[in-house]
């Protein structure tokens, strides 16, 4: 983590986090589909009569959409909070970015 923070700006890290939230995990393969198939298979071997489990039942939902953070100040506060949690650098002044663009 220290090397990541030394080489990546807070803004770039935030952009990657947003990208991953929408598209799912970064990497060459999407293991979530494989794991969901495996989980459905295991669930179906242990189930009683009733609805058969399907892989979609175990697929993570990466884009959760609007979670109530519609105000720019709320979004900025959420990003700053996460930035503090990971030990990032805050380059904002009076609620706006260093270049004046919040």
Protein backbone atom coordinates (compact mmCIF):
# COMPACT_ATOMS: atom_id res chain seq x y z
CA UNK A 1 0.00 0.00 0.00
CA UNK A 2 2.74 2.55 0.78
CA UNK A 3 4.27 2.01 -2.69
CA UNK A 4 0.84 2.42 -4.31
CA UNK A 5 0.25 5.69 -2.48
CA UNK A 6 3.75 6.92 -3.34
CA UNK A 7 3.24 6.27 -7.07
CA UNK A 8 -0.45 7.10 -7.48
CA UNK A 9 -2.18 10.39 -6.79
CA UNK A 10 -5.34 10.49 -4.73
CA UNK A 11 -7.27 11.67 -7.80
CA UNK A 12 -6.05 8.76 -9.95
CA UNK A 13 -6.79 6.24 -7.20
CA UNK A 14 -10.30 7.66 -6.85
CA UNK A 15 -10.85 7.34 -10.61
CA UNK A 16 -9.75 3.69 -10.55
CA UNK A 17 -12.05 3.01 -7.58
CA UNK A 18 -15.00 4.50 -9.47
CA UNK A 19 -14.13 2.49 -12.59
CA UNK A 20 -13.90 -0.75 -10.62
CA UNK A 21 -17.17 -0.04 -8.84
CA UNK A 22 -18.97 0.12 -12.19
CA UNK A 23 -17.15 -2.61 -14.12
CA UNK A 24 -16.21 -5.07 -11.39
CA UNK A 25 -12.78 -6.26 -10.35
CA UNK A 26 -9.79 -5.23 -12.41
CA UNK A 27 -7.81 -7.98 -14.06
CA UNK A 28 -7.68 -10.15 -17.15
CA UNK A 29 -10.47 -12.48 -16.08
CA UNK A 30 -13.78 -12.10 -14.32
CA UNK A 31 -13.64 -14.79 -11.67
CA UNK A 32 -16.95 -13.67 -10.21
CA UNK A 33 -18.86 -15.59 -12.93
CA UNK A 34 -16.84 -18.73 -12.26
CA UNK A 35 -17.32 -18.49 -8.52
CA UNK A 36 -21.04 -17.79 -8.95
CA UNK A 37 -21.38 -20.94 -11.06
CA UNK A 38 -19.53 -22.95 -8.45
CA UNK A 39 -21.64 -21.48 -5.62
CA UNK A 40 -24.85 -22.31 -7.48
CA UNK A 41 -23.67 -25.88 -8.01
CA UNK A 42 -22.84 -26.31 -4.33
CA UNK A 43 -26.13 -24.72 -3.26
CA UNK A 44 -28.10 -27.02 -5.55
CA UNK A 45 -26.45 -30.14 -4.12
CA UNK A 46 -27.53 -29.12 -0.62
CA UNK A 47 -30.99 -27.73 -1.38
CA UNK A 48 -34.32 -29.16 -0.51
CA UNK A 49 -37.15 -29.17 -3.03
CA UNK A 50 -37.94 -25.77 -4.39
CA UNK A 51 -36.39 -23.22 -6.64
CA UNK A 52 -33.07 -24.20 -8.19
CA UNK A 53 -30.21 -21.78 -7.55
CA UNK A 54 -28.69 -20.09 -10.60
CA UNK A 55 -25.30 -18.40 -11.01
CA UNK A 56 -27.02 -14.99 -11.24
CA UNK A 57 -28.18 -15.51 -7.64
CA UNK A 58 -24.54 -15.35 -6.55
CA UNK A 59 -23.22 -12.66 -8.90
CA UNK A 60 -22.08 -9.49 -7.12
CA UNK A 61 -23.79 -6.29 -8.20
CA UNK A 62 -20.90 -3.96 -8.96
CA UNK A 63 -22.75 -0.79 -9.89
CA UNK A 64 -25.06 0.01 -7.01
CA UNK A 65 -26.22 3.23 -8.63
CA UNK A 66 -27.26 6.25 -6.64
CA UNK A 67 -26.96 5.69 -2.92
CA UNK A 68 -28.27 9.07 -1.93
CA UNK A 69 -25.07 11.05 -2.48
CA UNK A 70 -26.50 13.56 -4.90
CA UNK A 71 -25.05 16.70 -3.41
CA UNK A 72 -21.54 17.58 -4.58
CA UNK A 73 -20.46 18.41 -1.03
CA UNK A 74 -21.70 15.01 0.21
CA UNK A 75 -19.77 13.24 -2.54
CA UNK A 76 -16.62 15.22 -1.79
CA UNK A 77 -16.96 14.45 1.93
CA UNK A 78 -17.34 10.73 1.15
CA UNK A 79 -14.23 10.75 -1.05
CA UNK A 80 -12.24 12.68 1.56
CA UNK A 81 -13.32 10.20 4.24
CA UNK A 82 -12.17 7.22 2.19
CA UNK A 83 -8.97 9.05 1.28
CA UNK A 84 -8.22 9.53 5.00
CA UNK A 85 -8.92 5.85 5.70
CA UNK A 86 -6.31 4.72 3.18
CA UNK A 87 -3.77 7.36 4.19
CA UNK A 88 -4.05 9.42 1.01
CA UNK A 89 -3.04 13.03 0.56
CA UNK A 90 -5.73 15.71 0.58
CA UNK A 91 -4.85 18.44 -1.92
CA UNK A 92 -8.13 20.31 -1.64
CA UNK A 93 -8.64 23.76 -0.18
CA UNK A 94 -11.94 25.02 1.23
CA UNK A 95 -13.89 22.10 -0.27
CA UNK A 96 -12.58 22.46 -3.83
CA UNK A 97 -9.73 20.78 -5.68
CA UNK A 98 -6.33 22.43 -5.79
CA UNK A 99 -7.09 23.76 -9.27
CA UNK A 100 -10.41 25.17 -8.07
CA UNK A 101 -12.56 22.45 -9.67
CA UNK A 102 -14.52 20.42 -7.14
